[in-house]
Amino acid sequence: MNRSSLFTALRSAVEPLGYSFASGDPTSAATTIRNYPTAWLDTPIATAVEGLNEGSISYRISLRLLHRADRETVLNPETVWEKTELDAINLLHALSITSGVIALDNVKL
């Protein structure tokens, strides 16, 4: 899977959950994100390349599910945590059945 396929797969997985998708250096997130909730992808790091002609590339990624800090979030943060965790599980499921995704390893919530 190349970078553009990775971005397309992630975008396709997060948008049905109600998230917009953005990517870049984590220091630019505050100036880049225009609406919430957003799935923010830190710059992917290629960790392995296999095959010469039709090879595959493995990436280490960090994807953050971000929500606006509004009154409800401040007063009842557990509600947002619960929704975010469920969204993360649904996202992982969507990615696991996406064409081109071979494995999801070392997942941390």
C-alpha atoms as a PDB file:
ATOM      1  CA  MET A   1       0.000   0.000   0.000  1.00  0.00           C
ATOM      2  CA  ASN A   2       1.428   3.395  -0.934  1.00  0.00           C
ATOM      3  CA  ARG A   3       0.831   6.702   0.883  1.00  0.00           C
ATOM      4  CA  SER A   4      -2.085   7.833  -1.252  1.00  0.00           C
ATOM      5  CA  SER A   5      -3.809   4.449  -0.800  1.00  0.00           C
ATOM      6  CA  LEU A   6      -3.228   4.688   2.951  1.00  0.00           C
ATOM      7  CA  PHE A   7      -4.754   8.176   3.061  1.00  0.00           C
ATOM      8  CA  THR A   8      -7.729   7.042   0.964  1.00  0.00           C
ATOM      9  CA  ALA A   9      -8.318   4.007   3.193  1.00  0.00           C
ATOM     10  CA  LEU A  10      -8.199   6.095   6.361  1.00  0.00           C
ATOM     11  CA  ARG A  11     -10.438   8.821   4.925  1.00  0.00           C
ATOM     12  CA  SER A  12     -12.964   6.189   3.786  1.00  0.00           C
ATOM     13  CA  ALA A  13     -12.949   4.627   7.244  1.00  0.00           C
ATOM     14  CA  VAL A  14     -13.338   7.824   9.313  1.00  0.00           C
ATOM     15  CA  GLU A  15     -15.836   9.813   7.252  1.00  0.00           C
ATOM     16  CA  PRO A  16     -18.797   7.423   7.846  1.00  0.00           C
ATOM     17  CA  LEU A  17     -18.095   7.826  11.580  1.00  0.00           C
ATOM     18  CA  GLY A  18     -18.606  11.590  11.246  1.00  0.00           C
ATOM     19  CA  TYR A  19     -14.957  12.651  11.297  1.00  0.00           C
ATOM     20  CA  SER A  20     -13.190  14.900   8.847  1.00  0.00           C
ATOM     21  CA  PHE A  21      -9.682  13.778   7.874  1.00  0.00           C
ATOM     22  CA  ALA A  22      -6.476  15.796   8.049  1.00  0.00           C
ATOM     23  CA  SER A  23      -2.794  14.957   8.067  1.00  0.00           C
ATOM     24  CA  GLY A  24       0.574  16.538   8.625  1.00  0.00           C
ATOM     25  CA  ASP A  25       3.144  17.397  11.223  1.00  0.00           C
ATOM     26  CA  PRO A  26       1.529  17.354  14.683  1.00  0.00           C
ATOM     27  CA  THR A  27       2.746  20.887  15.372  1.00  0.00           C
ATOM     28  CA  SER A  28       0.558  22.191  12.536  1.00  0.00           C
ATOM     29  CA  ALA A  29      -2.684  20.546  13.696  1.00  0.00           C
ATOM     30  CA  ALA A  30      -4.004  23.617  15.517  1.00  0.00           C
ATOM     31  CA  THR A  31      -3.699  25.799  12.432  1.00  0.00           C
ATOM     32  CA  THR A  32      -4.823  23.127   9.942  1.00  0.00           C
ATOM     33  CA  ILE A  33      -7.974  21.648  11.502  1.00  0.00           C
ATOM     34  CA  ARG A  34     -11.072  23.566  10.437  1.00  0.00           C
ATOM     35  CA  ASN A  35     -13.872  21.487  11.957  1.00  0.00           C
ATOM     36  CA  TYR A  36     -14.396  18.804  14.570  1.00  0.00           C
ATOM     37  CA  PRO A  37     -14.498  15.936  15.110  1.00  0.00           C
ATOM     38  CA  THR A  38     -11.342  15.289  13.111  1.00  0.00           C
ATOM     39  CA  ALA A  39      -9.167  12.237  12.577  1.00  0.00           C
ATOM     40  CA  TRP A  40      -5.612  13.634  12.535  1.00  0.00           C
ATOM     41  CA  LEU A  41      -2.899  11.486  10.953  1.00  0.00           C
ATOM     42  CA  ASP A  42       0.651  12.347  11.939  1.00  0.00           C
ATOM     43  CA  THR A  43       3.097  12.057   9.048  1.00  0.00           C
ATOM     44  CA  PRO A  44       3.312   8.295   8.279  1.00  0.00           C
ATOM     45  CA  ILE A  45       6.713   6.623   8.599  1.00  0.00           C
ATOM     46  CA  ALA A  46       7.628   3.838   6.184  1.00  0.00           C
ATOM     47  CA  THR A  47       9.031   0.949   8.238  1.00  0.00           C
ATOM     48  CA  ALA A  48       9.438  -1.808   5.635  1.00  0.00           C
ATOM     49  CA  VAL A  49       9.369  -2.337   1.895  1.00  0.00           C
ATOM     50  CA  GLU A  50       8.878  -5.812   0.445  1.00  0.00           C
ATOM     51  CA  GLY A  51       9.040  -6.983  -3.168  1.00  0.00           C
ATOM     52  CA  LEU A  52      10.471  -5.262  -6.202  1.00  0.00           C
ATOM     53  CA  ASN A  53       7.749  -5.114  -8.857  1.00  0.00           C
ATOM     54  CA  GLU A  54       4.494  -5.296  -6.916  1.00  0.00           C
ATOM     55  CA  GLY A  55       5.845  -4.793  -3.456  1.00  0.00           C
ATOM     56  CA  SER A  56       4.192  -3.542  -0.329  1.00  0.00           C
ATOM     57  CA  ILE A  57       5.120  -0.795   2.069  1.00  0.00           C
ATOM     58  CA  SER A  58       4.474  -1.020   5.797  1.00  0.00           C
ATOM     59  CA  TYR A  59       3.862   2.182   7.734  1.00  0.00           C
ATOM     60  CA  ARG A  60       3.898   3.168  11.365  1.00  0.00           C
ATOM     61  CA  ILE A  61       1.100   5.651  11.896  1.00  0.00           C
ATOM     62  CA  SER A  62      -0.390   7.664  14.694  1.00  0.00           C
ATOM     63  CA  LEU A  63      -4.034   8.579  14.169  1.00  0.00           C
ATOM     64  CA  ARG A  64      -5.745  10.838  16.707  1.00  0.00           C
ATOM     65  CA  LEU A  65      -9.506  11.188  17.003  1.00  0.00           C
ATOM     66  CA  LEU A  66     -10.055  14.786  18.098  1.00  0.00           C
ATOM     67  CA  HIS A  67     -13.173  16.495  19.436  1.00  0.00           C
ATOM     68  CA  ARG A  68     -13.923  20.126  20.186  1.00  0.00           C
ATOM     69  CA  ALA A  69     -13.646  20.952  23.889  1.00  0.00           C
ATOM     70  CA  ASP A  70     -17.146  22.299  24.487  1.00  0.00           C
ATOM     71  CA  ARG A  71     -19.248  22.625  27.643  1.00  0.00           C
ATOM     72  CA  GLU A  72     -20.585  19.064  27.421  1.00  0.00           C
ATOM     73  CA  THR A  73     -17.087  17.640  27.008  1.00  0.00           C
ATOM     74  CA  VAL A  74     -15.809  19.534  30.045  1.00  0.00           C
ATOM     75  CA  LEU A  75     -18.787  18.601  32.236  1.00  0.00           C
ATOM     76  CA  ASN A  76     -19.017  14.967  31.177  1.00  0.00           C
ATOM     77  CA  PRO A  77     -15.702  13.816  29.648  1.00  0.00           C
ATOM     78  CA  GLU A  78     -16.539  10.106  30.055  1.00  0.00           C
ATOM     79  CA  THR A  79     -19.291  10.394  27.436  1.00  0.00           C
ATOM     80  CA  VAL A  80     -16.808  11.683  24.866  1.00  0.00           C
ATOM     81  CA  TRP A  81     -14.203   9.063  25.856  1.00  0.00           C
ATOM     82  CA  GLU A  82     -16.763   6.281  25.452  1.00  0.00           C
ATOM     83  CA  LYS A  83     -17.851   7.530  22.019  1.00  0.00           C
ATOM     84  CA  THR A  84     -14.246   7.996  20.899  1.00  0.00           C
ATOM     85  CA  GLU A  85     -13.276   4.483  22.004  1.00  0.00           C
ATOM     86  CA  LEU A  86     -16.249   2.984  20.151  1.00  0.00           C
ATOM     87  CA  ASP A  87     -15.342   5.026  17.073  1.00  0.00           C
ATOM     88  CA  ALA A  88     -11.755   3.734  17.289  1.00  0.00           C
ATOM     89  CA  ILE A  89     -12.975   0.120  17.426  1.00  0.00           C
ATOM     90  CA  ASN A  90     -15.287   0.716  14.449  1.00  0.00           C
ATOM     91  CA  LEU A  91     -12.419   2.387  12.585  1.00  0.00           C
ATOM     92  CA  LEU A  92     -10.146  -0.603  13.187  1.00  0.00           C
ATOM     93  CA  HIS A  93     -12.839  -2.951  11.932  1.00  0.00           C
ATOM     94  CA  ALA A  94     -13.372  -0.850   8.786  1.00  0.00           C
ATOM     95  CA  LEU A  95      -9.629  -0.809   8.108  1.00  0.00           C
ATOM     96  CA  SER A  96      -9.288  -4.562   8.686  1.00  0.00           C
ATOM     97  CA  ILE A  97     -11.658  -5.287   5.787  1.00  0.00           C
ATOM     98  CA  THR A  98     -10.202  -2.636   3.465  1.00  0.00           C
ATOM     99  CA  SER A  99      -8.539  -3.898   0.300  1.00  0.00           C
ATOM    100  CA  GLY A 100      -4.773  -3.466   0.478  1.00  0.00           C
ATOM    101  CA  VAL A 101      -4.582  -3.536   4.280  1.00  0.00           C
ATOM    102  CA  ILE A 102      -2.690  -6.681   5.161  1.00  0.00           C
ATOM    103  CA  ALA A 103      -2.425  -6.346   8.953  1.00  0.00           C
ATOM    104  CA  LEU A 104      -3.024  -4.032  11.871  1.00  0.00           C
ATOM    105  CA  ASP A 105      -0.361  -4.604  14.537  1.00  0.00           C
ATOM    106  CA  ASN A 106       0.588  -2.993  17.835  1.00  0.00           C
ATOM    107  CA  VAL A 107      -2.668  -1.025  18.108  1.00  0.00           C
ATOM    108  CA  LYS A 108      -2.921   1.213  21.172  1.00  0.00           C
ATOM    109  CA  LEU A 109      -6.031   3.085  22.260  1.00  0.00           C
END
